[in-house]
């Protein structure tokens, strides 16, 4: 491989990561008003804590990744050592981000299935398998590098061998399987319910889940193909993009669940539980549910009063 080909691959890597980081920070400022109005000043719960960890963990945690790709300094033994640490950090950071997103999706689906233990066990088993495969790919990838690294002035981009690419593709395939499972569970639950007129909360869940799945399946597919079919310096070119977009999409899902417009939607909700971190007023049979602006992905499990509306709380004081 000549120098021109290597430089072309490196440029593709730089440009793709610039797009990824731009999207991350742009989306943060674009949705900051929503975050302030829907999350700030509300009581902390597990879902809201996970929301902040995901949102700001991704935002701040990507700063070392930006340094990894765009650090301008002469290649020295000290820089190479730091670059190796940054590369390891990036791999484990991806696992942590995907784990966080997975936990939030599990909570969301667990609530949708009204705390069904069998569904929870299924989701945990698939998620655990994905984590094991991810850790295996990182550990084996450290010992499988057969391509010589370049002493670069700009960034810390290292070649990925074909064997490394296959193992990393396997890890992302596990993520894709988990996303497919979550989408199919959401799809089954929504369509198993009796159809109602108008737009209800479960329609929103299906809409958001469909958008999330569509975006993630395309991102994961492009990432997997880049590992399998890419060149040494373009394998995994979509990794940062896929990690960022998954974090953005789950933040959007949670922001949408606290959309005040949901309070005006019509349709029935389950009388045995709903997805909220604040409170819900259930109307009598056939009426419209009145939701407060503290929408969340927690499950409350109380019964309604057949004589009229009853306040349902998640226990938050």
C-alpha atoms as a PDB file:
ATOM      1  CA  UNK A   1       0.000   0.000   0.000  1.00  0.00           C
ATOM      2  CA  UNK A   2       1.510   3.322  -1.071  1.00  0.00           C
ATOM      3  CA  UNK A   3       1.498   6.591   0.875  1.00  0.00           C
ATOM      4  CA  UNK A   4      -1.289   8.139  -1.238  1.00  0.00           C
ATOM      5  CA  UNK A   5      -3.672   5.257  -0.503  1.00  0.00           C
ATOM      6  CA  UNK A   6      -2.916   5.418   3.223  1.00  0.00           C
ATOM      7  CA  UNK A   7      -3.449   9.180   3.281  1.00  0.00           C
ATOM      8  CA  UNK A   8      -6.768   8.800   1.459  1.00  0.00           C
ATOM      9  CA  UNK A   9      -7.963   6.278   4.039  1.00  0.00           C
ATOM     10  CA  UNK A  10      -6.828   8.496   6.901  1.00  0.00           C
ATOM     11  CA  UNK A  11      -8.640  11.498   5.410  1.00  0.00           C
ATOM     12  CA  UNK A  12     -11.854   9.476   5.170  1.00  0.00           C
ATOM     13  CA  UNK A  13     -11.454   8.584   8.832  1.00  0.00           C
ATOM     14  CA  UNK A  14     -10.887  12.214   9.825  1.00  0.00           C
ATOM     15  CA  UNK A  15     -13.883  13.532   7.896  1.00  0.00           C
ATOM     16  CA  UNK A  16     -16.256  10.853   9.155  1.00  0.00           C
ATOM     17  CA  UNK A  17     -15.295  11.512  12.763  1.00  0.00           C
ATOM     18  CA  UNK A  18     -15.657  15.271  12.311  1.00  0.00           C
ATOM     19  CA  UNK A  19     -19.247  14.634  11.204  1.00  0.00           C
ATOM     20  CA  UNK A  20     -19.847  12.398  14.232  1.00  0.00           C
ATOM     21  CA  UNK A  21     -18.543  14.880  16.794  1.00  0.00           C
ATOM     22  CA  UNK A  22     -20.356  17.771  15.109  1.00  0.00           C
ATOM     23  CA  UNK A  23     -23.635  15.879  15.325  1.00  0.00           C
ATOM     24  CA  UNK A  24     -23.046  15.096  19.010  1.00  0.00           C
ATOM     25  CA  UNK A  25     -22.507  18.688  20.089  1.00  0.00           C
ATOM     26  CA  UNK A  26     -25.067  20.123  17.677  1.00  0.00           C
ATOM     27  CA  UNK A  27     -27.811  17.800  18.944  1.00  0.00           C
ATOM     28  CA  UNK A  28     -26.919  18.636  22.549  1.00  0.00           C
ATOM     29  CA  UNK A  29     -27.464  22.360  22.066  1.00  0.00           C
ATOM     30  CA  UNK A  30     -30.473  21.703  19.841  1.00  0.00           C
ATOM     31  CA  UNK A  31     -32.268  19.761  22.602  1.00  0.00           C
ATOM     32  CA  UNK A  32     -30.918  21.628  25.631  1.00  0.00           C
ATOM     33  CA  UNK A  33     -34.166  23.583  26.026  1.00  0.00           C
ATOM     34  CA  UNK A  34     -36.113  20.318  26.114  1.00  0.00           C
ATOM     35  CA  UNK A  35     -33.760  18.903  28.718  1.00  0.00           C
ATOM     36  CA  UNK A  36     -34.097  21.974  30.923  1.00  0.00           C
ATOM     37  CA  UNK A  37     -37.894  22.058  30.753  1.00  0.00           C
ATOM     38  CA  UNK A  38     -38.439  18.302  31.068  1.00  0.00           C
ATOM     39  CA  UNK A  39     -35.680  17.117  33.422  1.00  0.00           C
ATOM     40  CA  UNK A  40     -34.157  19.978  35.374  1.00  0.00           C
ATOM     41  CA  UNK A  41     -35.821  20.624  38.713  1.00  0.00           C
ATOM     42  CA  UNK A  42     -37.705  17.315  38.730  1.00  0.00           C
ATOM     43  CA  UNK A  43     -37.177  14.646  41.423  1.00  0.00           C
ATOM     44  CA  UNK A  44     -34.342  12.264  40.646  1.00  0.00           C
ATOM     45  CA  UNK A  45     -35.258   8.701  39.759  1.00  0.00           C
ATOM     46  CA  UNK A  46     -33.346   5.827  38.198  1.00  0.00           C
ATOM     47  CA  UNK A  47     -34.480   6.702  34.662  1.00  0.00           C
ATOM     48  CA  UNK A  48     -33.633  10.398  35.028  1.00  0.00           C
ATOM     49  CA  UNK A  49     -30.237   9.508  36.525  1.00  0.00           C
ATOM     50  CA  UNK A  50     -29.532   7.196  33.606  1.00  0.00           C
ATOM     51  CA  UNK A  51     -30.637   9.930  31.231  1.00  0.00           C
ATOM     52  CA  UNK A  52     -28.085  12.379  32.622  1.00  0.00           C
ATOM     53  CA  UNK A  53     -25.349   9.738  32.772  1.00  0.00           C
ATOM     54  CA  UNK A  54     -25.939   8.811  29.149  1.00  0.00           C
ATOM     55  CA  UNK A  55     -26.246  12.384  27.896  1.00  0.00           C
ATOM     56  CA  UNK A  56     -23.300  13.944  29.715  1.00  0.00           C
ATOM     57  CA  UNK A  57     -21.243  10.773  29.827  1.00  0.00           C
ATOM     58  CA  UNK A  58     -21.348  10.661  26.044  1.00  0.00           C
ATOM     59  CA  UNK A  59     -20.760  14.391  25.718  1.00  0.00           C
ATOM     60  CA  UNK A  60     -17.774  14.595  28.073  1.00  0.00           C
ATOM     61  CA  UNK A  61     -16.527  11.058  27.542  1.00  0.00           C
ATOM     62  CA  UNK A  62     -15.907  11.748  23.875  1.00  0.00           C
ATOM     63  CA  UNK A  63     -13.412  14.532  24.624  1.00  0.00           C
ATOM     64  CA  UNK A  64     -10.497  12.039  24.899  1.00  0.00           C
ATOM     65  CA  UNK A  65     -11.752  10.463  21.668  1.00  0.00           C
ATOM     66  CA  UNK A  66     -11.563  13.849  19.942  1.00  0.00           C
ATOM     67  CA  UNK A  67      -7.974  14.124  21.184  1.00  0.00           C
ATOM     68  CA  UNK A  68      -7.284  10.625  19.904  1.00  0.00           C
ATOM     69  CA  UNK A  69      -8.299  11.534  16.359  1.00  0.00           C
ATOM     70  CA  UNK A  70      -7.110  15.137  16.107  1.00  0.00           C
ATOM     71  CA  UNK A  71      -4.132  15.521  18.462  1.00  0.00           C
ATOM     72  CA  UNK A  72      -1.426  17.401  16.532  1.00  0.00           C
ATOM     73  CA  UNK A  73       2.077  16.629  17.797  1.00  0.00           C
ATOM     74  CA  UNK A  74       5.267  15.132  16.480  1.00  0.00           C
ATOM     75  CA  UNK A  75       5.386  11.366  16.794  1.00  0.00           C
ATOM     76  CA  UNK A  76       7.485  10.533  19.849  1.00  0.00           C
ATOM     77  CA  UNK A  77       7.613   7.474  22.119  1.00  0.00           C
ATOM     78  CA  UNK A  78       5.641   9.458  24.695  1.00  0.00           C
ATOM     79  CA  UNK A  79       2.904  10.327  22.178  1.00  0.00           C
ATOM     80  CA  UNK A  80       2.697   6.746  20.973  1.00  0.00           C
ATOM     81  CA  UNK A  81       2.269   5.559  24.569  1.00  0.00           C
ATOM     82  CA  UNK A  82      -0.506   8.099  25.205  1.00  0.00           C
ATOM     83  CA  UNK A  83      -2.154   7.139  21.924  1.00  0.00           C
ATOM     84  CA  UNK A  84      -2.222   3.489  22.940  1.00  0.00           C
ATOM     85  CA  UNK A  85      -3.925   4.453  26.201  1.00  0.00           C
ATOM     86  CA  UNK A  86      -6.433   6.607  24.312  1.00  0.00           C
ATOM     87  CA  UNK A  87      -7.190   3.728  21.968  1.00  0.00           C
ATOM     88  CA  UNK A  88      -7.847   1.367  24.900  1.00  0.00           C
ATOM     89  CA  UNK A  89      -9.987   4.034  26.591  1.00  0.00           C
ATOM     90  CA  UNK A  90     -12.046   4.444  23.414  1.00  0.00           C
ATOM     91  CA  UNK A  91     -12.781   0.725  23.198  1.00  0.00           C
ATOM     92  CA  UNK A  92     -13.919   0.435  26.807  1.00  0.00           C
ATOM     93  CA  UNK A  93     -15.833   3.717  26.543  1.00  0.00           C
ATOM     94  CA  UNK A  94     -17.826   2.255  23.639  1.00  0.00           C
ATOM     95  CA  UNK A  95     -18.690  -0.809  25.736  1.00  0.00           C
ATOM     96  CA  UNK A  96     -19.769   1.418  28.645  1.00  0.00           C
ATOM     97  CA  UNK A  97     -21.929   3.591  26.388  1.00  0.00           C
ATOM     98  CA  UNK A  98     -23.622   0.640  24.739  1.00  0.00           C
ATOM     99  CA  UNK A  99     -24.182  -0.923  28.168  1.00  0.00           C
ATOM    100  CA  UNK A 100     -25.830   2.295  29.385  1.00  0.00           C
ATOM    101  CA  UNK A 101     -28.059   2.473  26.324  1.00  0.00           C
ATOM    102  CA  UNK A 102     -28.952  -1.194  26.769  1.00  0.00           C
ATOM    103  CA  UNK A 103     -29.972  -0.679  30.400  1.00  0.00           C
ATOM    104  CA  UNK A 104     -32.248   2.196  29.400  1.00  0.00           C
ATOM    105  CA  UNK A 105     -33.855   0.151  26.638  1.00  0.00           C
ATOM    106  CA  UNK A 106     -34.351  -2.751  29.054  1.00  0.00           C
ATOM    107  CA  UNK A 107     -36.068  -0.456  31.576  1.00  0.00           C
ATOM    108  CA  UNK A 108     -38.283   0.954  28.847  1.00  0.00           C
ATOM    109  CA  UNK A 109     -39.299  -2.482  27.546  1.00  0.00           C
ATOM    110  CA  UNK A 110     -39.662  -3.934  31.051  1.00  0.00           C
ATOM    111  CA  UNK A 111     -42.124  -1.158  31.838  1.00  0.00           C
ATOM    112  CA  UNK A 112     -43.987  -1.747  28.591  1.00  0.00           C
ATOM    113  CA  UNK A 113     -44.429  -5.416  29.556  1.00  0.00           C
ATOM    114  CA  UNK A 114     -45.572  -4.477  33.074  1.00  0.00           C
ATOM    115  CA  UNK A 115     -42.588  -6.026  34.861  1.00  0.00           C
ATOM    116  CA  UNK A 116     -42.839  -9.413  33.210  1.00  0.00           C
ATOM    117  CA  UNK A 117     -39.963 -11.470  34.628  1.00  0.00           C
ATOM    118  CA  UNK A 118     -39.644 -13.777  31.630  1.00  0.00           C
ATOM    119  CA  UNK A 119     -39.201 -10.844  29.290  1.00  0.00           C
ATOM    120  CA  UNK A 120     -36.678  -9.324  31.688  1.00  0.00           C
ATOM    121  CA  UNK A 121     -34.673 -12.565  31.836  1.00  0.00           C
ATOM    122  CA  UNK A 122     -34.657 -12.773  28.039  1.00  0.00           C
ATOM    123  CA  UNK A 123     -33.396  -9.209  27.680  1.00  0.00           C
ATOM    124  CA  UNK A 124     -30.731  -9.639  30.349  1.00  0.00           C
ATOM    125  CA  UNK A 125     -29.501 -12.870  28.776  1.00  0.00           C
ATOM    126  CA  UNK A 126     -29.137 -11.306  25.327  1.00  0.00           C
ATOM    127  CA  UNK A 127     -27.511  -8.183  26.795  1.00  0.00           C
ATOM    128  CA  UNK A 128     -25.051 -10.226  28.880  1.00  0.00           C
ATOM    129  CA  UNK A 129     -24.082 -12.242  25.813  1.00  0.00           C
ATOM    130  CA  UNK A 130     -23.400  -9.010  23.920  1.00  0.00           C
ATOM    131  CA  UNK A 131     -21.219  -7.671  26.730  1.00  0.00           C
ATOM    132  CA  UNK A 132     -19.200 -10.893  26.858  1.00  0.00           C
ATOM    133  CA  UNK A 133     -18.643 -10.808  23.096  1.00  0.00           C
ATOM    134  CA  UNK A 134     -17.665  -7.129  23.274  1.00  0.00           C
ATOM    135  CA  UNK A 135     -15.095  -7.708  26.006  1.00  0.00           C
ATOM    136  CA  UNK A 136     -13.753 -10.715  24.117  1.00  0.00           C
ATOM    137  CA  UNK A 137     -13.293  -8.651  20.956  1.00  0.00           C
ATOM    138  CA  UNK A 138     -11.410  -5.915  22.823  1.00  0.00           C
ATOM    139  CA  UNK A 139      -9.139  -8.353  24.652  1.00  0.00           C
ATOM    140  CA  UNK A 140      -8.365 -10.472  21.592  1.00  0.00           C
ATOM    141  CA  UNK A 141      -7.967  -7.374  19.440  1.00  0.00           C
ATOM    142  CA  UNK A 142      -5.060  -6.146  21.536  1.00  0.00           C
ATOM    143  CA  UNK A 143      -3.058  -9.232  20.721  1.00  0.00           C
ATOM    144  CA  UNK A 144      -4.127  -9.595  17.111  1.00  0.00           C
ATOM    145  CA  UNK A 145      -2.586  -6.497  15.553  1.00  0.00           C
ATOM    146  CA  UNK A 146      -0.406  -7.610  12.674  1.00  0.00           C
ATOM    147  CA  UNK A 147      -0.331  -4.304  10.784  1.00  0.00           C
ATOM    148  CA  UNK A 148       2.422  -1.824  11.528  1.00  0.00           C
ATOM    149  CA  UNK A 149       1.275   1.474  13.056  1.00  0.00           C
ATOM    150  CA  UNK A 150       2.170   4.783  11.417  1.00  0.00           C
ATOM    151  CA  UNK A 151       4.173   7.486  13.236  1.00  0.00           C
ATOM    152  CA  UNK A 152       1.556  10.183  12.577  1.00  0.00           C
ATOM    153  CA  UNK A 153       1.796  13.876  13.395  1.00  0.00           C
ATOM    154  CA  UNK A 154      -1.982  14.282  13.218  1.00  0.00           C
ATOM    155  CA  UNK A 155      -4.058  12.061  15.453  1.00  0.00           C
ATOM    156  CA  UNK A 156      -3.582   8.502  16.691  1.00  0.00           C
ATOM    157  CA  UNK A 157      -5.062   6.445  13.902  1.00  0.00           C
ATOM    158  CA  UNK A 158      -3.880   2.848  13.835  1.00  0.00           C
ATOM    159  CA  UNK A 159      -4.438   0.153  11.266  1.00  0.00           C
ATOM    160  CA  UNK A 160      -6.842  -2.685  12.056  1.00  0.00           C
ATOM    161  CA  UNK A 161      -5.939  -6.120  10.764  1.00  0.00           C
ATOM    162  CA  UNK A 162      -8.480  -8.389   9.108  1.00  0.00           C
ATOM    163  CA  UNK A 163      -8.628 -10.704  12.133  1.00  0.00           C
ATOM    164  CA  UNK A 164      -9.273  -7.753  14.423  1.00  0.00           C
ATOM    165  CA  UNK A 165     -11.961  -6.503  12.074  1.00  0.00           C
ATOM    166  CA  UNK A 166     -13.813  -9.829  12.193  1.00  0.00           C
ATOM    167  CA  UNK A 167     -13.763  -9.990  16.003  1.00  0.00           C
ATOM    168  CA  UNK A 168     -14.947  -6.383  16.345  1.00  0.00           C
ATOM    169  CA  UNK A 169     -17.666  -6.971  13.758  1.00  0.00           C
ATOM    170  CA  UNK A 170     -18.867  -9.867  15.922  1.00  0.00           C
ATOM    171  CA  UNK A 171     -19.209  -7.519  18.895  1.00  0.00           C
ATOM    172  CA  UNK A 172     -21.318  -5.056  16.915  1.00  0.00           C
ATOM    173  CA  UNK A 173     -23.397  -7.927  15.562  1.00  0.00           C
ATOM    174  CA  UNK A 174     -24.301  -8.681  19.177  1.00  0.00           C
ATOM    175  CA  UNK A 175     -25.475  -5.088  19.606  1.00  0.00           C
ATOM    176  CA  UNK A 176     -27.570  -5.408  16.443  1.00  0.00           C
ATOM    177  CA  UNK A 177     -29.202  -8.598  17.766  1.00  0.00           C
ATOM    178  CA  UNK A 178     -30.100  -6.833  21.028  1.00  0.00           C
ATOM    179  CA  UNK A 179     -31.617  -3.860  19.155  1.00  0.00           C
ATOM    180  CA  UNK A 180     -33.656  -6.231  16.976  1.00  0.00           C
ATOM    181  CA  UNK A 181     -34.960  -8.021  20.059  1.00  0.00           C
ATOM    182  CA  UNK A 182     -36.030  -4.748  21.716  1.00  0.00           C
ATOM    183  CA  UNK A 183     -37.769  -3.590  18.560  1.00  0.00           C
ATOM    184  CA  UNK A 184     -39.636  -6.883  18.076  1.00  0.00           C
ATOM    185  CA  UNK A 185     -40.745  -6.906  21.717  1.00  0.00           C
ATOM    186  CA  UNK A 186     -42.021  -3.342  21.384  1.00  0.00           C
ATOM    187  CA  UNK A 187     -43.748  -4.157  18.114  1.00  0.00           C
ATOM    188  CA  UNK A 188     -45.441  -7.246  19.548  1.00  0.00           C
ATOM    189  CA  UNK A 189     -46.661  -5.441  22.658  1.00  0.00           C
ATOM    190  CA  UNK A 190     -48.117  -2.502  20.796  1.00  0.00           C
ATOM    191  CA  UNK A 191     -49.929  -4.577  18.164  1.00  0.00           C
ATOM    192  CA  UNK A 192     -51.208  -7.029  20.751  1.00  0.00           C
ATOM    193  CA  UNK A 193     -53.239  -4.236  22.294  1.00  0.00           C
ATOM    194  CA  UNK A 194     -56.671  -3.288  21.077  1.00  0.00           C
ATOM    195  CA  UNK A 195     -56.482  -0.461  18.580  1.00  0.00           C
ATOM    196  CA  UNK A 196     -57.944   2.830  19.766  1.00  0.00           C
ATOM    197  CA  UNK A 197     -58.881   6.005  18.034  1.00  0.00           C
ATOM    198  CA  UNK A 198     -56.445   8.878  18.035  1.00  0.00           C
ATOM    199  CA  UNK A 199     -52.849   8.784  19.227  1.00  0.00           C
ATOM    200  CA  UNK A 200     -51.956   7.270  22.572  1.00  0.00           C
ATOM    201  CA  UNK A 201     -48.752   6.684  24.491  1.00  0.00           C
ATOM    202  CA  UNK A 202     -48.175   3.274  22.940  1.00  0.00           C
ATOM    203  CA  UNK A 203     -48.370   4.778  19.468  1.00  0.00           C
ATOM    204  CA  UNK A 204     -45.595   7.134  20.518  1.00  0.00           C
ATOM    205  CA  UNK A 205     -43.588   4.183  21.849  1.00  0.00           C
ATOM    206  CA  UNK A 206     -43.989   2.336  18.558  1.00  0.00           C
ATOM    207  CA  UNK A 207     -43.115   5.403  16.512  1.00  0.00           C
ATOM    208  CA  UNK A 208     -39.995   6.194  18.532  1.00  0.00           C
ATOM    209  CA  UNK A 209     -38.972   2.540  18.683  1.00  0.00           C
ATOM    210  CA  UNK A 210     -39.349   2.211  14.913  1.00  0.00           C
ATOM    211  CA  UNK A 211     -37.257   5.312  14.254  1.00  0.00           C
ATOM    212  CA  UNK A 212     -34.623   4.184  16.746  1.00  0.00           C
ATOM    213  CA  UNK A 213     -34.427   0.732  15.227  1.00  0.00           C
ATOM    214  CA  UNK A 214     -34.292   2.048  11.660  1.00  0.00           C
ATOM    215  CA  UNK A 215     -31.440   4.423  12.411  1.00  0.00           C
ATOM    216  CA  UNK A 216     -29.503   1.910  14.495  1.00  0.00           C
ATOM    217  CA  UNK A 217     -29.835  -0.997  12.074  1.00  0.00           C
ATOM    218  CA  UNK A 218     -28.393   1.153   9.277  1.00  0.00           C
ATOM    219  CA  UNK A 219     -25.590   2.450  11.507  1.00  0.00           C
ATOM    220  CA  UNK A 220     -24.729  -1.005  12.848  1.00  0.00           C
ATOM    221  CA  UNK A 221     -24.836  -2.546   9.384  1.00  0.00           C
ATOM    222  CA  UNK A 222     -22.492   0.079   7.947  1.00  0.00           C
ATOM    223  CA  UNK A 223     -20.159  -0.359  10.921  1.00  0.00           C
ATOM    224  CA  UNK A 224     -20.094  -4.162  10.612  1.00  0.00           C
ATOM    225  CA  UNK A 225     -19.466  -3.957   6.862  1.00  0.00           C
ATOM    226  CA  UNK A 226     -16.622  -1.487   7.399  1.00  0.00           C
ATOM    227  CA  UNK A 227     -14.894  -3.970   9.732  1.00  0.00           C
ATOM    228  CA  UNK A 228     -15.332  -6.873   7.330  1.00  0.00           C
ATOM    229  CA  UNK A 229     -14.803  -5.168   3.953  1.00  0.00           C
ATOM    230  CA  UNK A 230     -12.793  -2.056   4.828  1.00  0.00           C
ATOM    231  CA  UNK A 231      -9.114  -1.272   4.364  1.00  0.00           C
ATOM    232  CA  UNK A 232      -6.648  -1.284   7.284  1.00  0.00           C
ATOM    233  CA  UNK A 233      -7.222   2.412   8.052  1.00  0.00           C
ATOM    234  CA  UNK A 234     -10.965   2.494   7.318  1.00  0.00           C
ATOM    235  CA  UNK A 235     -12.056  -0.586   9.260  1.00  0.00           C
ATOM    236  CA  UNK A 236     -14.385   0.591  11.980  1.00  0.00           C
ATOM    237  CA  UNK A 237     -14.708   4.038  10.406  1.00  0.00           C
ATOM    238  CA  UNK A 238     -18.340   4.192  11.558  1.00  0.00           C
ATOM    239  CA  UNK A 239     -17.667   3.041  15.142  1.00  0.00           C
ATOM    240  CA  UNK A 240     -17.657   6.495  16.722  1.00  0.00           C
ATOM    241  CA  UNK A 241     -20.660   7.482  14.615  1.00  0.00           C
ATOM    242  CA  UNK A 242     -22.653   4.413  15.714  1.00  0.00           C
ATOM    243  CA  UNK A 243     -21.778   4.912  19.366  1.00  0.00           C
ATOM    244  CA  UNK A 244     -22.772   8.584  19.273  1.00  0.00           C
ATOM    245  CA  UNK A 245     -25.970   8.071  17.310  1.00  0.00           C
ATOM    246  CA  UNK A 246     -27.188   5.328  19.674  1.00  0.00           C
ATOM    247  CA  UNK A 247     -26.689   7.658  22.645  1.00  0.00           C
ATOM    248  CA  UNK A 248     -28.471  10.498  20.842  1.00  0.00           C
ATOM    249  CA  UNK A 249     -31.399   8.287  19.858  1.00  0.00           C
ATOM    250  CA  UNK A 250     -31.995   6.948  23.385  1.00  0.00           C
ATOM    251  CA  UNK A 251     -31.844  10.523  24.738  1.00  0.00           C
ATOM    252  CA  UNK A 252     -34.454  11.505  22.170  1.00  0.00           C
ATOM    253  CA  UNK A 253     -36.651   8.570  23.215  1.00  0.00           C
ATOM    254  CA  UNK A 254     -36.576   9.709  26.828  1.00  0.00           C
ATOM    255  CA  UNK A 255     -37.105  13.365  25.965  1.00  0.00           C
ATOM    256  CA  UNK A 256     -40.142  12.429  23.884  1.00  0.00           C
ATOM    257  CA  UNK A 257     -41.641  10.480  26.796  1.00  0.00           C
ATOM    258  CA  UNK A 258     -41.654  13.714  28.787  1.00  0.00           C
ATOM    259  CA  UNK A 259     -43.228  15.714  25.996  1.00  0.00           C
ATOM    260  CA  UNK A 260     -46.061  17.800  27.535  1.00  0.00           C
ATOM    261  CA  UNK A 261     -48.056  17.207  24.349  1.00  0.00           C
ATOM    262  CA  UNK A 262     -48.662  13.634  25.542  1.00  0.00           C
ATOM    263  CA  UNK A 263     -51.022  15.061  28.133  1.00  0.00           C
ATOM    264  CA  UNK A 264     -53.488  15.892  25.373  1.00  0.00           C
ATOM    265  CA  UNK A 265     -53.373  12.544  23.568  1.00  0.00           C
ATOM    266  CA  UNK A 266     -56.385  10.286  23.494  1.00  0.00           C
ATOM    267  CA  UNK A 267     -56.590   6.561  23.968  1.00  0.00           C
ATOM    268  CA  UNK A 268     -56.487   3.999  26.746  1.00  0.00           C
ATOM    269  CA  UNK A 269     -53.520   3.100  28.852  1.00  0.00           C
ATOM    270  CA  UNK A 270     -53.139  -0.115  30.816  1.00  0.00           C
ATOM    271  CA  UNK A 271     -54.879   0.008  34.175  1.00  0.00           C
ATOM    272  CA  UNK A 272     -52.155  -2.131  35.710  1.00  0.00           C
ATOM    273  CA  UNK A 273     -49.219   0.042  34.869  1.00  0.00           C
ATOM    274  CA  UNK A 274     -47.805   2.747  32.708  1.00  0.00           C
ATOM    275  CA  UNK A 275     -44.505   4.311  31.831  1.00  0.00           C
ATOM    276  CA  UNK A 276     -43.988   7.324  34.012  1.00  0.00           C
ATOM    277  CA  UNK A 277     -41.718   8.700  36.655  1.00  0.00           C
ATOM    278  CA  UNK A 278     -44.162  11.245  37.969  1.00  0.00           C
ATOM    279  CA  UNK A 279     -47.873  10.679  38.220  1.00  0.00           C
ATOM    280  CA  UNK A 280     -50.765   9.705  35.989  1.00  0.00           C
ATOM    281  CA  UNK A 281     -54.439  10.431  36.340  1.00  0.00           C
ATOM    282  CA  UNK A 282     -56.475   7.575  34.843  1.00  0.00           C
ATOM    283  CA  UNK A 283     -59.866   8.466  33.448  1.00  0.00           C
ATOM    284  CA  UNK A 284     -62.795   6.061  33.613  1.00  0.00           C
ATOM    285  CA  UNK A 285     -63.137   3.412  30.924  1.00  0.00           C
ATOM    286  CA  UNK A 286     -63.273   5.023  27.495  1.00  0.00           C
ATOM    287  CA  UNK A 287     -61.924   8.358  28.723  1.00  0.00           C
ATOM    288  CA  UNK A 288     -58.661  10.061  27.979  1.00  0.00           C
ATOM    289  CA  UNK A 289     -55.709   9.672  30.352  1.00  0.00           C
ATOM    290  CA  UNK A 290     -54.315  12.859  31.784  1.00  0.00           C
ATOM    291  CA  UNK A 291     -50.536  12.748  32.061  1.00  0.00           C
ATOM    292  CA  UNK A 292     -48.375  15.241  33.860  1.00  0.00           C
ATOM    293  CA  UNK A 293     -45.153  16.658  32.399  1.00  0.00           C
ATOM    294  CA  UNK A 294     -42.962  14.341  34.489  1.00  0.00           C
ATOM    295  CA  UNK A 295     -43.168  11.530  31.961  1.00  0.00           C
ATOM    296  CA  UNK A 296     -40.472   8.906  32.387  1.00  0.00           C
ATOM    297  CA  UNK A 297     -39.776   5.254  31.663  1.00  0.00           C
ATOM    298  CA  UNK A 298     -40.448   3.944  35.149  1.00  0.00           C
ATOM    299  CA  UNK A 299     -43.274   1.538  35.758  1.00  0.00           C
ATOM    300  CA  UNK A 300     -46.028   2.180  38.249  1.00  0.00           C
ATOM    301  CA  UNK A 301     -48.209  -0.744  39.170  1.00  0.00           C
ATOM    302  CA  UNK A 302     -51.478   0.279  40.722  1.00  0.00           C
ATOM    303  CA  UNK A 303     -55.133  -0.266  39.903  1.00  0.00           C
ATOM    304  CA  UNK A 304     -57.617   2.416  38.907  1.00  0.00           C
ATOM    305  CA  UNK A 305     -60.818   3.106  40.755  1.00  0.00           C
ATOM    306  CA  UNK A 306     -63.793   2.068  38.663  1.00  0.00           C
ATOM    307  CA  UNK A 307     -65.835   4.914  40.141  1.00  0.00           C
ATOM    308  CA  UNK A 308     -63.635   7.609  38.742  1.00  0.00           C
ATOM    309  CA  UNK A 309     -60.108   8.886  38.258  1.00  0.00           C
ATOM    310  CA  UNK A 310     -57.465   7.817  40.690  1.00  0.00           C
ATOM    311  CA  UNK A 311     -53.972   9.199  41.198  1.00  0.00           C
ATOM    312  CA  UNK A 312     -51.211   6.680  40.607  1.00  0.00           C
ATOM    313  CA  UNK A 313     -47.777   7.401  42.033  1.00  0.00           C
ATOM    314  CA  UNK A 314     -44.410   5.673  41.668  1.00  0.00           C
ATOM    315  CA  UNK A 315     -43.618   6.274  45.298  1.00  0.00           C
ATOM    316  CA  UNK A 316     -41.483   9.357  44.730  1.00  0.00           C
ATOM    317  CA  UNK A 317     -42.032  11.866  47.461  1.00  0.00           C
END
